[in-house]
Amino acid sequence: MQEANAFQSLLFSDTCKSLLHVFFSQRATSKVPGATDLGLMPRKITKVAILGGGLMGSGIATAMILSNYPVLLKEVNEKFLNAGIDRIKANLQSRVRKGKMTEERYEKALSLVTGALGYEKFKEVDLVIEAVIENVKLKQQIFADLEKYCPSHCILATNTSTIDLNLIGEKTKSQDRIVGAHFFSPAHVMPLLEIVRTQHTSAQVVVDLLDVGKRIKKTPIVVGNCTGFAVNRMFFPYTQSALLFVDYGMDVYKIDRACTKFGMPMGPFRLADLVGFGVAVATGMQYLENFPERVYKSMLIPIMMEDKRAGEASRKGFYKYEDKRKATPDPEIMTYIQKSRSMAGVTPDAELMKLSDKDIVEMVFFPVINEACRVLDEGIAVKASDLDIASIFGMGFPPYRGGVMLWGDSIGAKYIHGKLQEWAKRYGSFFEPCSYLAERAAKGIPLSAPAASQVKSRL
């Protein structure tokens, strides 16, 4: 009887509803209007080339060979190529150590990788994934070269996390086969693959990449082209709001603790350390360029970088890393915070210091919901449930909360809108609620319900 009662209470709980929502939403990501509804069959991808053997390139190569795709790994010189292959070996050896792979399977997987310093062998490949640094001119040159050396059917994909794909393919005549294949770090572990299509990308290329995504055991979501696409664009306010509130007197470690208690794998500052400050600044510049009216220009990270604090890789960021990856709070960061505060011309707000964990979570996540609403309104995401899956599998949002949009609906558009308005008056335009959110709040419509224009476009 006790078991039956416990089961009943679990069955009707919010957690159960959220997890059921995640289950069905994950399966719905493969239904893509204008691609999977056209009766196209995926073409066979027999060989994959990856440009760049860094952290991302080697992770993508690992994911490919684990699913038996032969990989051609290209680097600019022998030293970088060897380092890339060593990273792939380390990724596989880690699986052997954990008992997830036999030595025999390790040897077989590694035998699928071939190194290259030139483009001679690219005439044999069906899919290329570029994974070099976030530099527009470099990527443009690479794609111009790929157009010359790859066969005409070859899919030309980029792993960029923020740069507009139309910019990357600007110097080519092959825009119908240019697509984003955005993996999340570490690429062989993280379950999400963000497939980015432009207005030129052919439906066949989208169908092909969806098939590859499933074969390498990823959950693929198809999104539109813009700076940051869906996941990174939704979540750029996550760190920005945290940086703003630190300038206004909130404690770095209190913010991180509140976010992990909420269910995130790590808070915004620990995440910045993990990603590295170089990446944080480069992506921040992309947002500043494209969304200047809603970027908080914190100087904290650039100030810390001047002092050779660059995150976990440099063993010092917002935390100290004296013992491998163990993060320890560092009182030294107060010096940098005071300097950042002074440059921003703000004084600590005494009220912020008294806030509960719930208040902190709202201040960090409501701007994320606001941006997710813009992503949906602009048609970058096909449906709200795709953003829920993107937030869970791409950023570690707690699945038992159902994803960022379902969680927003559990709170209500009116409450979220009111809070953002209040903070916009107090702290500036960064918090200004978007028109989509304002309309939902005024009419009492759920955030995740499709707009009339979205319903028409799918019919």
Protein backbone atom coordinates (compact mmCIF):
# COMPACT_ATOMS: atom_id res chain seq x y z
CA MET A 1 0.00 0.00 0.00
CA GLN A 2 2.82 2.39 0.89
CA GLU A 3 4.47 1.69 -2.47
CA ALA A 4 1.21 2.35 -4.34
CA ASN A 5 0.71 5.65 -2.49
CA ALA A 6 4.30 6.71 -3.14
CA PHE A 7 3.93 5.81 -6.82
CA GLN A 8 0.70 7.87 -7.08
CA SER A 9 2.33 10.94 -5.54
CA LEU A 10 5.34 10.60 -7.90
CA LEU A 11 3.11 10.06 -10.94
CA PHE A 12 1.34 13.38 -10.44
CA SER A 13 4.41 15.34 -9.32
CA ASP A 14 5.93 18.27 -11.24
CA THR A 15 9.16 16.25 -11.60
CA CYS A 16 7.31 13.42 -13.37
CA LYS A 17 5.56 15.89 -15.71
CA SER A 18 8.89 17.56 -16.47
CA LEU A 19 10.69 14.30 -17.23
CA LEU A 20 7.84 13.07 -19.45
CA HIS A 21 8.04 16.39 -21.30
CA VAL A 22 11.80 15.85 -21.80
CA PHE A 23 11.22 12.28 -23.03
CA PHE A 24 8.75 13.32 -25.75
CA SER A 25 10.57 16.57 -26.60
CA GLN A 26 13.82 14.66 -27.22
CA ARG A 27 12.05 12.46 -29.75
CA ALA A 28 10.37 15.47 -31.39
CA THR A 29 13.70 17.17 -32.23
CA SER A 30 14.01 15.00 -35.35
CA LYS A 31 10.78 16.41 -36.83
CA VAL A 32 11.95 19.48 -38.77
CA PRO A 33 9.56 21.43 -41.03
CA GLY A 34 11.07 22.09 -44.46
CA ALA A 35 13.49 19.15 -44.15
CA THR A 36 12.19 15.88 -42.69
CA ASP A 37 8.69 16.39 -44.11
CA LEU A 38 9.85 16.36 -47.76
CA GLY A 39 10.36 12.59 -48.12
CA LEU A 40 14.15 12.88 -48.49
CA MET A 41 16.35 9.92 -47.57
CA PRO A 42 19.76 10.56 -45.91
CA ARG A 43 22.75 9.99 -48.19
CA LYS A 44 25.49 7.62 -47.06
CA ILE A 45 28.42 9.36 -45.36
CA THR A 46 31.43 7.06 -45.64
CA LYS A 47 34.37 9.34 -44.81
CA VAL A 48 34.64 12.44 -42.63
CA ALA A 49 37.39 15.09 -42.59
CA ILE A 50 38.00 17.32 -39.58
CA LEU A 51 40.02 20.52 -39.75
CA GLY A 52 41.79 21.29 -36.49
CA GLY A 53 43.01 18.83 -33.87
CA GLY A 54 42.50 21.05 -30.83
CA LEU A 55 40.16 20.27 -27.94
CA MET A 56 37.01 20.46 -30.10
CA GLY A 57 38.44 18.89 -33.28
CA SER A 58 39.92 15.92 -31.43
CA GLY A 59 36.67 15.45 -29.48
CA ILE A 60 34.60 15.45 -32.69
CA ALA A 61 37.06 12.99 -34.28
CA THR A 62 36.69 10.74 -31.20
CA ALA A 63 32.88 10.83 -31.47
CA MET A 64 33.13 9.88 -35.17
CA ILE A 65 35.55 6.95 -34.80
CA LEU A 66 33.57 5.56 -31.85
CA SER A 67 30.74 5.11 -34.36
CA ASN A 68 33.04 3.62 -37.01
CA TYR A 69 33.39 6.64 -39.29
CA PRO A 70 36.86 6.82 -40.91
CA VAL A 71 38.33 10.27 -40.12
CA LEU A 72 40.88 12.41 -41.96
CA LEU A 73 42.34 14.86 -39.42
CA LYS A 74 44.02 17.92 -40.95
CA GLU A 75 46.39 20.25 -39.14
CA VAL A 76 48.76 23.02 -40.26
CA ASN A 77 51.98 21.25 -39.21
CA GLU A 78 53.36 17.96 -37.88
CA LYS A 79 53.57 19.18 -34.27
CA PHE A 80 49.89 20.20 -34.10
CA LEU A 81 48.82 17.04 -35.94
CA ASN A 82 50.66 14.77 -33.47
CA ALA A 83 49.15 16.74 -30.55
CA GLY A 84 45.66 16.24 -32.04
CA ILE A 85 46.17 12.49 -32.46
CA ASP A 86 47.52 12.31 -28.89
CA ARG A 87 44.30 13.97 -27.66
CA ILE A 88 42.22 11.38 -29.51
CA LYS A 89 44.34 8.60 -27.94
CA ALA A 90 43.83 10.14 -24.48
CA ASN A 91 40.04 10.30 -25.03
CA LEU A 92 39.96 6.62 -26.01
CA GLN A 93 42.35 5.52 -23.23
CA SER A 94 40.06 7.20 -20.71
CA ARG A 95 37.26 4.89 -21.96
CA VAL A 96 39.54 1.85 -21.65
CA ARG A 97 40.41 2.81 -18.05
CA LYS A 98 36.71 3.13 -17.17
CA GLY A 99 35.96 -0.29 -18.67
CA LYS A 100 33.84 1.19 -21.47
CA MET A 101 36.19 -0.07 -24.18
CA THR A 102 38.49 -3.07 -24.70
CA GLU A 103 42.11 -2.73 -25.88
CA GLU A 104 41.11 -4.42 -29.13
CA ARG A 105 38.30 -1.90 -29.72
CA TYR A 106 40.73 0.93 -28.84
CA GLU A 107 43.17 -0.21 -31.56
CA LYS A 108 40.38 -0.57 -34.10
CA ALA A 109 38.98 2.92 -33.37
CA LEU A 110 42.43 4.52 -33.55
CA SER A 111 43.12 2.82 -36.89
CA LEU A 112 40.22 4.81 -38.38
CA VAL A 113 42.16 8.11 -38.00
CA THR A 114 44.48 9.33 -40.76
CA GLY A 115 46.54 12.50 -40.39
CA ALA A 116 46.92 15.12 -43.16
CA LEU A 117 48.78 18.41 -43.62
CA GLY A 118 47.30 19.24 -47.03
CA TYR A 119 44.03 18.95 -48.94
CA GLU A 120 45.12 16.16 -51.38
CA LYS A 121 42.89 13.46 -49.80
CA PHE A 122 39.84 15.71 -49.42
CA LYS A 123 38.53 14.58 -52.83
CA GLU A 124 37.42 11.34 -51.08
CA VAL A 125 35.34 12.83 -48.24
CA ASP A 126 31.55 13.23 -47.90
CA LEU A 127 31.52 15.52 -44.86
CA VAL A 128 34.03 18.09 -43.60
CA ILE A 129 33.75 19.64 -40.13
CA GLU A 130 35.90 22.73 -39.55
CA ALA A 131 36.93 23.17 -35.90
CA VAL A 132 39.56 25.93 -35.87
CA ILE A 133 39.70 29.09 -33.72
CA GLU A 134 36.87 31.66 -33.86
CA ASN A 135 38.42 33.89 -36.53
CA VAL A 136 36.18 35.00 -39.41
CA LYS A 137 38.94 35.60 -42.00
CA LEU A 138 40.61 32.25 -41.29
CA LYS A 139 37.29 30.39 -41.60
CA GLN A 140 36.46 32.23 -44.85
CA GLN A 141 39.81 31.17 -46.34
CA ILE A 142 39.30 27.55 -45.21
CA PHE A 143 35.85 27.34 -46.80
CA ALA A 144 37.14 28.83 -50.06
CA ASP A 145 39.84 26.10 -50.06
CA LEU A 146 37.31 23.36 -49.21
CA GLU A 147 35.16 24.37 -52.17
CA LYS A 148 38.18 23.82 -54.44
CA TYR A 149 39.34 20.46 -53.05
CA CYS A 150 36.18 18.63 -51.89
CA PRO A 151 33.78 16.78 -54.23
CA SER A 152 30.62 18.71 -55.21
CA HIS A 153 28.37 16.53 -52.99
CA CYS A 154 30.52 17.02 -49.86
CA ILE A 155 28.80 18.71 -46.89
CA LEU A 156 30.84 21.70 -45.62
CA ALA A 157 30.16 22.07 -41.89
CA THR A 158 31.56 24.42 -39.27
CA ASN A 159 31.73 23.89 -35.52
CA THR A 160 31.65 27.64 -34.80
CA SER A 161 29.75 28.47 -31.62
CA THR A 162 28.88 32.09 -32.41
CA ILE A 163 29.85 33.31 -35.91
CA ASP A 164 27.13 33.89 -38.52
CA LEU A 165 27.39 31.13 -41.15
CA ASN A 166 26.67 33.54 -44.02
CA LEU A 167 29.87 35.38 -43.08
CA ILE A 168 31.86 32.13 -43.05
CA GLY A 169 30.62 31.10 -46.50
CA GLU A 170 30.79 34.60 -47.99
CA LYS A 171 33.72 33.82 -50.31
CA THR A 172 32.20 30.60 -51.73
CA LYS A 173 29.57 29.65 -54.31
CA SER A 174 28.57 26.58 -52.24
CA GLN A 175 26.22 28.14 -49.70
CA ASP A 176 23.60 25.41 -50.23
CA ARG A 177 25.93 22.84 -48.63
CA ILE A 178 27.31 25.02 -45.83
CA VAL A 179 25.84 24.11 -42.43
CA GLY A 180 26.66 24.44 -38.75
CA ALA A 181 27.56 21.27 -36.85
CA HIS A 182 28.01 22.77 -33.40
CA PHE A 183 29.24 20.26 -30.83
CA PHE A 184 29.58 21.02 -27.12
CA SER A 185 32.76 20.44 -25.16
CA PRO A 186 33.90 17.72 -24.60
CA ALA A 187 32.47 16.76 -28.01
CA HIS A 188 32.74 13.00 -27.55
CA VAL A 189 30.83 13.19 -24.23
CA MET A 190 28.22 15.99 -24.47
CA PRO A 191 24.97 14.64 -25.96
CA LEU A 192 23.79 17.66 -27.99
CA LEU A 193 24.51 18.48 -31.64
CA GLU A 194 23.21 21.86 -32.82
CA ILE A 195 22.60 21.72 -36.59
CA VAL A 196 22.50 25.27 -37.94
CA ARG A 197 20.84 25.93 -41.27
CA THR A 198 20.96 29.21 -43.18
CA GLN A 199 18.36 30.37 -45.70
CA HIS A 200 20.61 28.76 -48.37
CA THR A 201 21.30 25.36 -46.72
CA SER A 202 19.62 22.55 -48.67
CA ALA A 203 17.06 20.32 -46.96
CA GLN A 204 19.12 17.29 -48.08
CA VAL A 205 22.15 18.51 -46.10
CA VAL A 206 19.96 18.94 -42.97
CA VAL A 207 18.54 15.40 -43.36
CA ASP A 208 22.06 13.99 -43.87
CA LEU A 209 23.41 15.69 -40.75
CA LEU A 210 20.42 14.59 -38.64
CA ASP A 211 21.26 11.01 -39.66
CA VAL A 212 24.97 11.45 -38.78
CA GLY A 213 23.96 12.98 -35.42
CA LYS A 214 21.88 9.93 -34.53
CA ARG A 215 24.57 7.51 -35.69
CA ILE A 216 27.14 9.15 -33.38
CA LYS A 217 24.57 8.91 -30.54
CA LYS A 218 23.86 12.64 -30.24
CA THR A 219 20.51 14.36 -29.82
CA PRO A 220 20.44 16.76 -32.77
CA ILE A 221 18.37 19.97 -32.81
CA VAL A 222 17.98 22.02 -36.00
CA VAL A 223 18.13 25.78 -35.49
CA GLY A 224 18.32 28.93 -37.60
CA ASN A 225 21.38 31.04 -38.27
CA CYS A 226 22.24 34.01 -36.04
CA THR A 227 25.03 35.03 -33.68
CA GLY A 228 25.24 32.31 -31.00
CA PHE A 229 22.48 30.23 -32.68
CA ALA A 230 20.11 28.81 -30.03
CA VAL A 231 22.09 27.45 -27.05
CA ASN A 232 24.86 30.02 -26.68
CA ARG A 233 22.58 32.89 -27.59
CA MET A 234 20.00 31.82 -24.97
CA PHE A 235 22.71 31.47 -22.35
CA PHE A 236 24.93 34.49 -22.98
CA PRO A 237 22.87 36.46 -20.40
CA TYR A 238 23.61 33.69 -17.82
CA THR A 239 27.18 34.91 -17.26
CA GLN A 240 26.43 38.54 -18.14
CA SER A 241 23.75 38.98 -15.47
CA ALA A 242 26.06 37.31 -12.94
CA LEU A 243 28.88 39.73 -13.85
CA LEU A 244 26.48 42.69 -13.54
CA PHE A 245 25.35 41.65 -10.07
CA VAL A 246 28.95 41.12 -8.93
CA ASP A 247 29.68 44.74 -9.92
CA TYR A 248 26.66 45.70 -7.80
CA GLY A 249 27.98 43.87 -4.74
CA MET A 250 26.88 40.22 -5.00
CA ASP A 251 29.36 37.50 -4.03
CA VAL A 252 30.81 35.40 -6.90
CA TYR A 253 30.72 32.16 -4.92
CA LYS A 254 27.22 32.76 -3.53
CA ILE A 255 25.93 33.04 -7.14
CA ASP A 256 27.67 29.80 -8.16
CA ARG A 257 26.36 27.99 -5.07
CA ALA A 258 22.77 29.13 -5.74
CA CYS A 259 22.98 27.89 -9.36
CA THR A 260 24.38 24.46 -8.43
CA LYS A 261 21.79 24.11 -5.66
CA PHE A 262 19.13 24.87 -8.32
CA GLY A 263 20.49 21.88 -10.29
CA MET A 264 23.09 23.26 -12.72
CA PRO A 265 26.33 21.22 -12.97
CA MET A 266 28.23 24.45 -12.23
CA GLY A 267 27.59 28.15 -11.77
CA PRO A 268 28.43 30.87 -14.33
CA PHE A 269 31.85 31.69 -12.84
CA ARG A 270 33.03 28.09 -12.59
CA LEU A 271 31.79 27.63 -16.17
CA ALA A 272 33.79 30.69 -17.34
CA ASP A 273 36.90 29.15 -15.74
CA LEU A 274 36.27 25.83 -17.48
CA VAL A 275 35.69 27.37 -20.93
CA GLY A 276 38.62 29.78 -20.57
CA PHE A 277 38.56 33.58 -20.49
CA GLY A 278 39.94 33.86 -24.05
CA VAL A 279 36.83 32.13 -25.41
CA ALA A 280 34.59 34.17 -23.07
CA VAL A 281 36.03 37.47 -24.38
CA ALA A 282 35.92 36.39 -28.06
CA THR A 283 32.27 35.31 -27.85
CA GLY A 284 31.41 38.38 -25.74
CA MET A 285 32.73 40.60 -28.56
CA GLN A 286 30.42 38.83 -31.05
CA TYR A 287 27.40 39.59 -28.85
CA LEU A 288 28.52 43.18 -28.29
CA GLU A 289 28.76 43.65 -32.06
CA ASN A 290 25.36 42.12 -32.79
CA PHE A 291 23.24 42.94 -29.72
CA PRO A 292 24.89 46.12 -28.32
CA GLU A 293 21.67 47.31 -26.62
CA ARG A 294 21.49 44.26 -24.34
CA VAL A 295 25.08 43.43 -23.45
CA TYR A 296 26.48 44.31 -20.05
CA LYS A 297 30.04 45.50 -20.64
CA SER A 298 31.74 44.13 -17.54
CA MET A 299 35.50 44.71 -17.37
CA LEU A 300 36.09 42.03 -14.74
CA ILE A 301 37.30 39.21 -17.04
CA PRO A 302 39.59 41.47 -19.19
CA ILE A 303 41.14 42.90 -15.98
CA MET A 304 41.82 39.39 -14.67
CA MET A 305 43.31 38.35 -18.03
CA GLU A 306 45.78 41.24 -17.87
CA ASP A 307 47.13 39.57 -14.73
CA LYS A 308 47.48 36.19 -16.52
CA ARG A 309 44.37 34.75 -14.89
CA ALA A 310 42.63 32.98 -17.74
CA GLY A 311 40.59 30.24 -16.06
CA GLU A 312 41.24 26.61 -15.22
CA ALA A 313 43.94 26.12 -17.89
CA SER A 314 46.08 28.83 -16.24
CA ARG A 315 45.26 27.36 -12.76
CA LYS A 316 43.73 30.69 -11.74
CA GLY A 317 40.46 32.31 -12.69
CA PHE A 318 37.55 33.03 -10.39
CA TYR A 319 38.81 29.97 -8.50
CA LYS A 320 42.29 28.55 -7.76
CA TYR A 321 43.22 25.13 -9.18
CA GLU A 322 46.12 23.84 -7.10
CA ASP A 323 44.95 20.23 -7.08
CA LYS A 324 44.16 19.15 -10.67
CA ARG A 325 40.58 20.29 -11.40
CA LYS A 326 39.53 20.96 -7.81
CA ALA A 327 38.20 24.52 -7.69
CA THR A 328 38.94 26.51 -4.51
CA PRO A 329 37.54 30.02 -3.87
CA ASP A 330 40.24 32.68 -4.15
CA PRO A 331 40.00 35.81 -1.94
CA GLU A 332 42.41 37.59 -4.33
CA ILE A 333 39.60 38.17 -6.83
CA MET A 334 38.17 40.95 -4.63
CA THR A 335 40.98 43.23 -5.89
CA TYR A 336 39.82 42.72 -9.49
CA ILE A 337 36.13 43.10 -8.55
CA GLN A 338 36.80 46.45 -6.86
CA LYS A 339 38.68 47.66 -9.95
CA SER A 340 35.86 46.48 -12.25
CA ARG A 341 33.28 48.21 -10.03
CA SER A 342 35.25 51.43 -10.12
CA MET A 343 35.53 51.29 -13.94
CA ALA A 344 31.77 50.63 -14.21
CA GLY A 345 31.11 53.58 -11.91
CA VAL A 346 28.71 51.62 -9.70
CA THR A 347 28.43 51.24 -5.95
CA PRO A 348 27.35 48.03 -4.18
CA ASP A 349 23.61 47.71 -3.62
CA ALA A 350 23.04 46.67 0.02
CA GLU A 351 19.75 44.94 -0.85
CA LEU A 352 21.50 42.48 -3.20
CA MET A 353 23.62 41.13 -0.35
CA LYS A 354 20.50 39.96 1.52
CA LEU A 355 18.98 37.98 -1.36
CA SER A 356 17.95 34.33 -1.02
CA ASP A 357 19.15 31.56 -3.37
CA LYS A 358 15.74 31.69 -5.09
CA ASP A 359 16.16 35.43 -5.81
CA ILE A 360 19.68 34.87 -7.18
CA VAL A 361 18.49 32.07 -9.48
CA GLU A 362 15.73 34.32 -10.83
CA MET A 363 18.17 37.18 -11.47
CA VAL A 364 20.53 34.89 -13.39
CA PHE A 365 17.92 32.84 -15.30
CA PHE A 366 15.11 35.29 -16.13
CA PRO A 367 17.36 37.08 -18.69
CA VAL A 368 18.02 33.60 -20.19
CA ILE A 369 14.26 33.03 -20.55
CA ASN A 370 13.91 36.52 -22.05
CA GLU A 371 16.53 35.72 -24.71
CA ALA A 372 15.00 32.27 -25.32
CA CYS A 373 11.71 34.06 -26.08
CA ARG A 374 13.50 36.21 -28.68
CA VAL A 375 15.07 33.08 -30.23
CA LEU A 376 11.61 31.53 -30.53
CA ASP A 377 9.96 34.71 -31.78
CA GLU A 378 12.59 35.14 -34.52
CA GLY A 379 12.08 31.56 -35.70
CA ILE A 380 15.67 30.55 -34.81
CA ALA A 381 14.14 27.60 -32.96
CA VAL A 382 11.27 25.64 -34.53
CA LYS A 383 9.50 25.01 -31.23
CA ALA A 384 9.84 25.77 -27.51
CA SER A 385 10.46 22.11 -26.64
CA ASP A 386 13.64 22.22 -28.82
CA LEU A 387 14.92 25.00 -26.55
CA ASP A 388 14.13 22.85 -23.50
CA ILE A 389 16.24 20.00 -24.94
CA ALA A 390 18.97 22.46 -25.98
CA SER A 391 19.16 23.91 -22.45
CA ILE A 392 19.33 20.44 -20.82
CA PHE A 393 21.75 18.68 -23.19
CA GLY A 394 23.80 21.74 -24.16
CA MET A 395 24.09 23.65 -20.87
CA GLY A 396 23.18 21.12 -18.18
CA PHE A 397 19.88 22.75 -17.17
CA PRO A 398 18.25 20.31 -14.67
CA PRO A 399 16.05 17.84 -16.62
CA TYR A 400 13.72 17.40 -13.65
CA ARG A 401 12.69 21.05 -14.23
CA GLY A 402 11.77 20.21 -17.84
CA GLY A 403 14.05 22.70 -19.60
CA VAL A 404 14.26 26.47 -19.61
CA MET A 405 10.90 27.19 -21.33
CA LEU A 406 8.83 24.68 -19.34
CA TRP A 407 10.38 26.01 -16.14
CA GLY A 408 9.51 29.55 -17.27
CA ASP A 409 5.90 28.45 -17.81
CA SER A 410 5.78 26.92 -14.32
CA ILE A 411 6.60 30.40 -12.93
CA GLY A 412 4.44 32.37 -15.36
CA ALA A 413 5.16 35.04 -17.99
CA LYS A 414 3.54 37.78 -15.90
CA TYR A 415 5.84 37.26 -12.90
CA ILE A 416 8.99 37.00 -15.07
CA HIS A 417 8.01 40.10 -17.06
CA GLY A 418 7.35 42.10 -13.87
CA LYS A 419 10.72 41.18 -12.35
CA LEU A 420 12.63 42.03 -15.55
CA GLN A 421 10.87 45.41 -15.75
CA GLU A 422 11.78 46.13 -12.14
CA TRP A 423 15.47 45.28 -12.74
CA ALA A 424 15.54 47.23 -16.04
CA LYS A 425 14.50 50.40 -14.13
CA ARG A 426 17.12 49.74 -11.48
CA TYR A 427 20.07 48.29 -13.42
CA GLY A 428 19.56 49.23 -17.08
CA SER A 429 18.40 47.99 -20.50
CA PHE A 430 20.15 44.59 -20.17
CA PHE A 431 16.97 43.38 -18.39
CA GLU A 432 14.41 44.96 -20.75
CA PRO A 433 11.71 42.33 -21.45
CA CYS A 434 11.19 41.51 -25.15
CA SER A 435 7.85 42.07 -26.94
CA TYR A 436 7.13 38.30 -27.12
CA LEU A 437 7.38 38.02 -23.32
CA ALA A 438 5.41 41.26 -22.79
CA GLU A 439 2.56 40.01 -25.02
CA ARG A 440 2.43 36.63 -23.23
CA ALA A 441 2.42 38.36 -19.83
CA ALA A 442 -0.42 40.71 -20.87
CA LYS A 443 -2.61 37.95 -22.36
CA GLY A 444 -1.79 35.16 -19.90
CA ILE A 445 -0.51 32.89 -22.70
CA PRO A 446 2.18 30.26 -21.89
CA LEU A 447 5.68 31.12 -23.15
CA SER A 448 5.91 27.80 -24.98
CA ALA A 449 2.58 28.10 -26.88
CA PRO A 450 3.31 28.80 -30.57
CA ALA A 451 2.42 32.25 -31.90
CA ALA A 452 -0.22 32.45 -34.64
CA SER A 453 2.50 33.29 -37.20
CA GLN A 454 4.49 30.19 -36.18
CA VAL A 455 1.43 27.92 -36.54
CA LYS A 456 0.68 29.32 -40.03
CA SER A 457 4.31 28.86 -41.14
CA ARG A 458 4.15 25.14 -40.23
CA LEU A 459 0.90 24.39 -42.03
